[in-house]
C-alpha atoms as a PDB file:
ATOM      1  CA  UNK A   1     -15.236   2.352 -11.562  1.00  0.00           C
ATOM      2  CA  UNK A   2     -18.891   2.451 -10.576  1.00  0.00           C
ATOM      3  CA  UNK A   3     -20.599  -0.061 -12.923  1.00  0.00           C
ATOM      4  CA  UNK A   4     -20.078  -3.775 -13.041  1.00  0.00           C
ATOM      5  CA  UNK A   5     -18.833  -5.419 -16.186  1.00  0.00           C
ATOM      6  CA  UNK A   6     -21.037  -8.298 -17.334  1.00  0.00           C
ATOM      7  CA  UNK A   7     -19.064 -11.517 -17.565  1.00  0.00           C
ATOM      8  CA  UNK A   8     -20.040 -13.571 -20.633  1.00  0.00           C
ATOM      9  CA  UNK A   9     -19.040 -17.221 -20.406  1.00  0.00           C
ATOM     10  CA  UNK A  10     -21.445 -18.478 -23.072  1.00  0.00           C
ATOM     11  CA  UNK A  11     -18.531 -19.723 -25.167  1.00  0.00           C
ATOM     12  CA  UNK A  12     -18.152 -22.553 -22.639  1.00  0.00           C
ATOM     13  CA  UNK A  13     -21.475 -23.975 -23.816  1.00  0.00           C
ATOM     14  CA  UNK A  14     -20.402 -23.983 -27.456  1.00  0.00           C
ATOM     15  CA  UNK A  15     -17.293 -26.007 -26.637  1.00  0.00           C
ATOM     16  CA  UNK A  16     -19.012 -28.537 -24.344  1.00  0.00           C
ATOM     17  CA  UNK A  17     -20.194 -31.761 -26.046  1.00  0.00           C
ATOM     18  CA  UNK A  18     -23.242 -32.304 -23.809  1.00  0.00           C
ATOM     19  CA  UNK A  19     -26.303 -30.459 -22.556  1.00  0.00           C
ATOM     20  CA  UNK A  20     -25.200 -31.285 -18.983  1.00  0.00           C
ATOM     21  CA  UNK A  21     -22.119 -30.873 -16.810  1.00  0.00           C
ATOM     22  CA  UNK A  22     -21.428 -33.628 -14.290  1.00  0.00           C
ATOM     23  CA  UNK A  23     -20.240 -32.371 -10.925  1.00  0.00           C
ATOM     24  CA  UNK A  24     -17.214 -34.658 -11.180  1.00  0.00           C
ATOM     25  CA  UNK A  25     -15.972 -32.800 -14.292  1.00  0.00           C
ATOM     26  CA  UNK A  26     -16.722 -29.269 -13.070  1.00  0.00           C
ATOM     27  CA  UNK A  27     -12.994 -28.610 -12.747  1.00  0.00           C
ATOM     28  CA  UNK A  28     -12.403 -29.456 -16.418  1.00  0.00           C
ATOM     29  CA  UNK A  29     -15.455 -27.494 -17.544  1.00  0.00           C
ATOM     30  CA  UNK A  30     -14.355 -24.350 -15.694  1.00  0.00           C
ATOM     31  CA  UNK A  31     -10.649 -24.617 -16.449  1.00  0.00           C
ATOM     32  CA  UNK A  32      -9.877 -25.427 -12.822  1.00  0.00           C
ATOM     33  CA  UNK A  33     -12.009 -22.655 -11.372  1.00  0.00           C
ATOM     34  CA  UNK A  34     -14.546 -24.841  -9.500  1.00  0.00           C
ATOM     35  CA  UNK A  35     -13.669 -28.241  -8.053  1.00  0.00           C
ATOM     36  CA  UNK A  36     -16.253 -31.003  -7.532  1.00  0.00           C
ATOM     37  CA  UNK A  37     -15.728 -30.809  -3.760  1.00  0.00           C
ATOM     38  CA  UNK A  38     -16.313 -27.040  -3.676  1.00  0.00           C
ATOM     39  CA  UNK A  39     -19.396 -27.487  -5.819  1.00  0.00           C
ATOM     40  CA  UNK A  40     -20.743 -30.187  -3.481  1.00  0.00           C
ATOM     41  CA  UNK A  41     -20.181 -27.886  -0.498  1.00  0.00           C
ATOM     42  CA  UNK A  42     -21.933 -24.978  -2.232  1.00  0.00           C
ATOM     43  CA  UNK A  43     -24.844 -27.257  -3.183  1.00  0.00           C
ATOM     44  CA  UNK A  44     -25.230 -28.386   0.424  1.00  0.00           C
ATOM     45  CA  UNK A  45     -25.472 -24.716   1.471  1.00  0.00           C
ATOM     46  CA  UNK A  46     -28.066 -23.977  -1.225  1.00  0.00           C
ATOM     47  CA  UNK A  47     -25.589 -21.822  -3.170  1.00  0.00           C
ATOM     48  CA  UNK A  48     -24.869 -24.135  -6.112  1.00  0.00           C
ATOM     49  CA  UNK A  49     -26.268 -23.953  -9.644  1.00  0.00           C
ATOM     50  CA  UNK A  50     -30.021 -24.305 -10.088  1.00  0.00           C
ATOM     51  CA  UNK A  51     -31.502 -27.292 -11.874  1.00  0.00           C
ATOM     52  CA  UNK A  52     -29.253 -29.955 -10.321  1.00  0.00           C
ATOM     53  CA  UNK A  53     -30.305 -33.495 -11.224  1.00  0.00           C
ATOM     54  CA  UNK A  54     -29.397 -36.223  -8.738  1.00  0.00           C
ATOM     55  CA  UNK A  55     -29.097 -39.858  -9.779  1.00  0.00           C
ATOM     56  CA  UNK A  56     -27.788 -41.914  -6.895  1.00  0.00           C
ATOM     57  CA  UNK A  57     -24.523 -40.289  -5.836  1.00  0.00           C
ATOM     58  CA  UNK A  58     -24.011 -38.540  -9.160  1.00  0.00           C
ATOM     59  CA  UNK A  59     -25.133 -34.971  -9.853  1.00  0.00           C
ATOM     60  CA  UNK A  60     -25.424 -33.194 -13.193  1.00  0.00           C
ATOM     61  CA  UNK A  61     -26.339 -29.621 -14.047  1.00  0.00           C
ATOM     62  CA  UNK A  62     -27.862 -28.221 -17.229  1.00  0.00           C
ATOM     63  CA  UNK A  63     -25.054 -26.360 -19.013  1.00  0.00           C
ATOM     64  CA  UNK A  64     -27.102 -23.144 -19.288  1.00  0.00           C
ATOM     65  CA  UNK A  65     -27.832 -23.152 -15.536  1.00  0.00           C
ATOM     66  CA  UNK A  66     -24.219 -23.910 -14.686  1.00  0.00           C
ATOM     67  CA  UNK A  67     -22.928 -21.073 -16.875  1.00  0.00           C
ATOM     68  CA  UNK A  68     -25.522 -18.619 -15.505  1.00  0.00           C
ATOM     69  CA  UNK A  69     -24.458 -19.535 -11.967  1.00  0.00           C
ATOM     70  CA  UNK A  70     -20.782 -19.144 -12.854  1.00  0.00           C
ATOM     71  CA  UNK A  71     -21.388 -15.736 -14.483  1.00  0.00           C
ATOM     72  CA  UNK A  72     -23.344 -14.577 -11.443  1.00  0.00           C
ATOM     73  CA  UNK A  73     -20.443 -15.514  -9.140  1.00  0.00           C
ATOM     74  CA  UNK A  74     -17.761 -13.986 -11.378  1.00  0.00           C
ATOM     75  CA  UNK A  75     -16.470 -10.445 -11.487  1.00  0.00           C
ATOM     76  CA  UNK A  76     -13.877  -8.620 -13.556  1.00  0.00           C
ATOM     77  CA  UNK A  77     -11.150  -6.915 -11.568  1.00  0.00           C
ATOM     78  CA  UNK A  78      -8.779  -4.470 -13.144  1.00  0.00           C
ATOM     79  CA  UNK A  79      -5.848  -2.596 -11.690  1.00  0.00           C
ATOM     80  CA  UNK A  80      -5.387   0.956 -12.832  1.00  0.00           C
ATOM     81  CA  UNK A  81      -1.707   1.723 -13.184  1.00  0.00           C
ATOM     82  CA  UNK A  82      -1.785   4.671 -15.562  1.00  0.00           C
ATOM     83  CA  UNK A  83      -4.022   7.701 -15.869  1.00  0.00           C
ATOM     84  CA  UNK A  84      -5.007   6.710 -19.442  1.00  0.00           C
ATOM     85  CA  UNK A  85      -6.480   3.442 -18.073  1.00  0.00           C
ATOM     86  CA  UNK A  86      -9.183   5.292 -16.120  1.00  0.00           C
ATOM     87  CA  UNK A  87     -12.790   5.132 -17.359  1.00  0.00           C
ATOM     88  CA  UNK A  88     -13.942   8.589 -18.441  1.00  0.00           C
ATOM     89  CA  UNK A  89     -17.549   9.316 -19.251  1.00  0.00           C
ATOM     90  CA  UNK A  90     -18.546   5.646 -19.209  1.00  0.00           C
ATOM     91  CA  UNK A  91     -16.131   4.648 -21.991  1.00  0.00           C
ATOM     92  CA  UNK A  92     -14.134   1.463 -21.600  1.00  0.00           C
ATOM     93  CA  UNK A  93     -10.429   1.896 -21.081  1.00  0.00           C
ATOM     94  CA  UNK A  94      -7.622   0.814 -23.383  1.00  0.00           C
ATOM     95  CA  UNK A  95      -6.634  -1.839 -20.880  1.00  0.00           C
ATOM     96  CA  UNK A  96     -10.187  -3.163 -20.574  1.00  0.00           C
ATOM     97  CA  UNK A  97     -10.602  -3.367 -24.332  1.00  0.00           C
ATOM     98  CA  UNK A  98      -7.556  -5.608 -24.413  1.00  0.00           C
ATOM     99  CA  UNK A  99      -9.298  -8.181 -22.215  1.00  0.00           C
ATOM    100  CA  UNK A 100     -13.007  -7.649 -23.006  1.00  0.00           C
ATOM    101  CA  UNK A 101     -13.712  -7.981 -26.687  1.00  0.00           C
END
């Protein structure tokens, strides 16, 4: 498959009760995908979400920036097991439609 599938995680924002995500709850926000320690390491390397706000030892991120960063780092991987699952002429496959609505 030649093109990338855009990952849309905007539904995370709708479910989050605040305009910010604290680094310490990044694991809960992402469903276990990104731990606070990993996020701290990525921030120290300049690879974390933009817009980080530091207050003492605490760090928060605007939800929109955090989601944009997460989408940028995410990719959809699909295994093709049957010939009918192959993308033909740019159309999405049956299998992909199951997961990407």
